[in-house]
Amino acid sequence: MIQQIKQYYNLEEFKSSSLLSHQVLHINLRNYQIGAIGASGLGSALANCINLSNLTLYLQSNQIGDEGASGLGPALANCINLSNLTLNLCNNQIGDEGASGLGSALANCINLSNLTLNLGSNQIGDEGASGLGSALANCINLSNLTLNLCDNQIGDKSASGLGSALANSINLSNLTLELSQKQFICFGL
């Protein structure tokens, strides 16, 4: 049986669609400026997509912050059939709280086997990276993970801890981890 891919470029159009019917869904709200409130509304709608197996969600440059990132996670965990997820949240002012909250919620996506998560160019520090890594390591069926944390504020120790936590993920067979960071060196005069 061929699953029909539904594509949306407008938040209101998606929210008013037949949410239960979606199995393969692409939502592109790139640069849409939805903020935390829009992300919460999107999350509420996604929580009703209980037949969803594949989701591609482009939300980069939307200023959703910690609140919006944390609000999306539980909605995704409600999609009990979700096995493939691509989530682009780069450039959204997400910090430690949002990264940890999103990770904890994704750990509850029990059927998730393929995850591409782009959190580059946010404000995630050591605490957020550690929380995210520990949570993702608990995704029991995750076999393929691509994680982009470039251009955040993650230190060497936390980067190492993140890798160690993910290495303990029992079913993870493919890991792509992008961690390039900007470094500033200050010299006292």
Protein backbone atom coordinates (compact mmCIF):
# COMPACT_ATOMS: atom_id res chain seq x y z
CA MET A 1 0.00 0.00 0.00
CA ILE A 2 1.41 3.39 -1.00
CA GLN A 3 1.12 6.05 1.66
CA GLN A 4 0.20 9.50 0.46
CA ILE A 5 2.59 12.26 1.51
CA LYS A 6 0.80 15.35 2.79
CA GLN A 7 2.72 18.62 2.58
CA TYR A 8 1.89 21.86 4.37
CA TYR A 9 3.46 25.30 4.19
CA ASN A 10 0.89 27.05 6.36
CA LEU A 11 0.26 26.38 10.04
CA GLU A 12 -3.47 27.16 9.98
CA GLU A 13 -4.02 24.96 6.92
CA PHE A 14 -2.35 22.04 8.70
CA LYS A 15 -4.27 22.60 11.95
CA SER A 16 -7.58 22.53 10.05
CA SER A 17 -6.71 19.37 8.08
CA SER A 18 -7.94 15.86 8.83
CA LEU A 19 -5.30 15.14 11.47
CA LEU A 20 -6.20 11.49 12.06
CA SER A 21 -5.66 10.65 8.39
CA HIS A 22 -1.99 11.66 8.22
CA GLN A 23 0.59 8.89 7.97
CA VAL A 24 3.42 10.59 6.07
CA LEU A 25 3.64 14.31 6.69
CA HIS A 26 5.97 17.13 5.62
CA ILE A 27 5.48 20.52 7.28
CA ASN A 28 7.67 23.40 6.16
CA LEU A 29 7.28 26.51 8.30
CA ARG A 30 10.83 27.77 7.75
CA ASN A 31 11.15 31.49 8.67
CA TYR A 32 7.44 31.64 9.47
CA GLN A 33 8.00 33.41 12.85
CA ILE A 34 5.58 31.20 14.74
CA GLY A 35 7.27 31.73 18.12
CA ALA A 36 6.56 29.64 21.21
CA ILE A 37 2.79 30.10 20.91
CA GLY A 38 2.76 28.85 17.32
CA ALA A 39 4.98 25.90 18.25
CA SER A 40 2.53 24.99 21.04
CA GLY A 41 -0.37 25.18 18.58
CA LEU A 42 1.53 23.01 16.14
CA GLY A 43 2.27 20.56 18.95
CA SER A 44 -1.38 20.37 19.94
CA ALA A 45 -2.35 19.55 16.36
CA LEU A 46 0.46 16.99 15.95
CA ALA A 47 -0.67 15.23 19.14
CA ASN A 48 -3.85 14.28 17.24
CA CYS A 49 -1.92 12.67 14.39
CA ILE A 50 -1.91 9.28 16.05
CA ASN A 51 -1.52 7.36 12.76
CA LEU A 52 1.61 9.28 11.77
CA SER A 53 4.62 7.09 10.91
CA ASN A 54 6.87 9.57 9.06
CA LEU A 55 7.25 13.25 9.91
CA THR A 56 9.49 15.89 8.40
CA LEU A 57 9.22 19.18 10.24
CA TYR A 58 11.16 22.26 9.13
CA LEU A 59 10.89 24.94 11.80
CA GLN A 60 14.21 26.74 11.49
CA SER A 61 14.39 30.48 12.26
CA ASN A 62 11.09 30.74 14.11
CA GLN A 63 12.14 32.07 17.54
CA ILE A 64 10.37 29.25 19.37
CA GLY A 65 12.84 29.22 22.30
CA ASP A 66 12.87 26.76 25.19
CA GLU A 67 9.13 26.89 25.71
CA GLY A 68 8.33 26.03 22.09
CA ALA A 69 10.90 23.22 21.90
CA SER A 70 9.70 21.70 25.16
CA GLY A 71 6.09 21.95 23.97
CA LEU A 72 6.72 20.07 20.73
CA GLY A 73 8.21 16.99 22.40
CA PRO A 74 5.19 15.64 24.30
CA ALA A 75 3.06 16.08 21.19
CA LEU A 76 5.48 13.93 19.20
CA ALA A 77 5.50 11.28 21.93
CA ASN A 78 1.71 11.08 21.51
CA CYS A 79 2.24 9.96 17.90
CA ILE A 80 2.64 6.33 18.95
CA ASN A 81 3.33 4.99 15.43
CA LEU A 82 6.06 7.52 14.63
CA SER A 83 9.14 5.67 13.38
CA ASN A 84 10.88 8.26 11.17
CA LEU A 85 11.38 11.85 12.28
CA THR A 86 13.30 14.72 10.72
CA LEU A 87 13.15 17.79 12.94
CA ASN A 88 14.97 20.98 11.96
CA LEU A 89 14.97 23.47 14.82
CA CYS A 90 18.15 25.38 13.99
CA ASN A 91 18.38 29.09 14.76
CA ASN A 92 15.49 29.18 17.25
CA GLN A 93 17.00 30.55 20.48
CA ILE A 94 16.71 27.15 22.17
CA GLY A 95 18.75 26.76 25.34
CA ASP A 96 19.51 24.03 27.86
CA GLU A 97 15.94 23.72 29.11
CA GLY A 98 14.46 23.32 25.63
CA ALA A 99 17.07 20.79 24.48
CA SER A 100 16.67 18.66 27.62
CA GLY A 101 12.87 18.86 27.46
CA LEU A 102 12.79 17.89 23.80
CA GLY A 103 15.15 14.98 24.42
CA SER A 104 13.12 13.68 27.37
CA ALA A 105 9.95 13.76 25.30
CA LEU A 106 11.58 12.06 22.31
CA ALA A 107 12.73 9.25 24.63
CA ASN A 108 9.02 8.44 24.99
CA CYS A 109 8.61 7.92 21.24
CA ILE A 110 8.74 4.16 21.66
CA ASN A 111 8.68 3.25 17.96
CA LEU A 112 11.17 5.87 16.76
CA SER A 113 13.92 4.16 14.77
CA ASN A 114 15.27 6.96 12.54
CA LEU A 115 15.88 10.47 13.86
CA THR A 116 17.49 13.48 12.23
CA LEU A 117 17.59 16.34 14.72
CA ASN A 118 19.10 19.70 13.78
CA LEU A 119 19.57 21.98 16.77
CA GLY A 120 22.45 23.97 15.29
CA SER A 121 22.85 27.73 15.88
CA ASN A 122 20.93 27.83 19.14
CA GLN A 123 22.02 28.60 22.72
CA ILE A 124 22.49 25.07 24.02
CA GLY A 125 25.21 24.70 26.64
CA ASP A 126 26.76 21.86 28.57
CA GLU A 127 23.67 21.09 30.64
CA GLY A 128 21.39 20.92 27.59
CA ALA A 129 23.80 18.71 25.63
CA SER A 130 24.13 16.30 28.56
CA GLY A 131 20.37 16.16 29.08
CA LEU A 132 19.72 15.63 25.40
CA GLY A 133 22.32 12.87 25.12
CA SER A 134 21.10 10.99 28.18
CA ALA A 135 17.50 11.21 27.00
CA LEU A 136 18.22 10.11 23.43
CA ALA A 137 20.23 7.15 24.74
CA ASN A 138 16.92 5.95 26.23
CA CYS A 139 15.20 5.81 22.83
CA ILE A 140 15.04 2.04 22.92
CA ASN A 141 14.33 1.41 19.22
CA LEU A 142 16.52 4.15 17.77
CA SER A 143 18.88 2.66 15.19
CA ASN A 144 19.84 5.70 13.07
CA LEU A 145 20.59 9.11 14.56
CA THR A 146 21.88 12.27 12.92
CA LEU A 147 22.34 15.02 15.49
CA ASN A 148 23.53 18.53 14.61
CA LEU A 149 24.54 20.70 17.56
CA CYS A 150 26.93 23.00 15.66
CA ASP A 151 27.33 26.61 16.78
CA ASN A 152 26.02 26.26 20.31
CA GLN A 153 27.92 26.71 23.59
CA ILE A 154 28.91 23.10 24.24
CA GLY A 155 32.29 22.52 25.91
CA ASP A 156 34.74 19.68 25.38
CA LYS A 157 33.71 17.77 28.49
CA SER A 158 30.01 17.81 27.61
CA ALA A 159 30.73 16.90 23.99
CA SER A 160 32.61 13.86 25.24
CA GLY A 161 29.79 13.02 27.67
CA LEU A 162 27.24 13.35 24.88
CA GLY A 163 29.16 10.88 22.73
CA SER A 164 29.55 8.46 25.66
CA ALA A 165 25.85 8.60 26.49
CA LEU A 166 24.86 7.93 22.89
CA ALA A 167 27.39 5.09 22.64
CA ASN A 168 25.40 3.31 25.36
CA SER A 169 22.21 3.37 23.28
CA ILE A 170 21.43 -0.34 22.90
CA ASN A 171 20.09 -0.44 19.32
CA LEU A 172 21.93 2.53 17.79
CA SER A 173 23.84 1.29 14.75
CA ASN A 174 24.45 4.55 12.85
CA LEU A 175 25.38 7.83 14.48
CA THR A 176 26.29 11.10 12.80
CA LEU A 177 27.18 13.76 15.35
CA GLU A 178 28.01 17.32 14.26
CA LEU A 179 29.53 19.46 17.01
CA SER A 180 31.65 22.22 15.49
CA GLN A 181 31.70 25.18 17.86
CA LYS A 182 32.87 28.75 17.68
CA GLN A 183 35.69 29.34 20.10
CA PHE A 184 36.75 32.69 21.46
CA ILE A 185 40.10 33.11 23.12
CA CYS A 186 40.55 36.08 25.44
CA PHE A 187 43.95 37.28 26.54
CA GLY A 188 44.33 39.38 29.64
CA LEU A 189 46.45 42.50 29.20
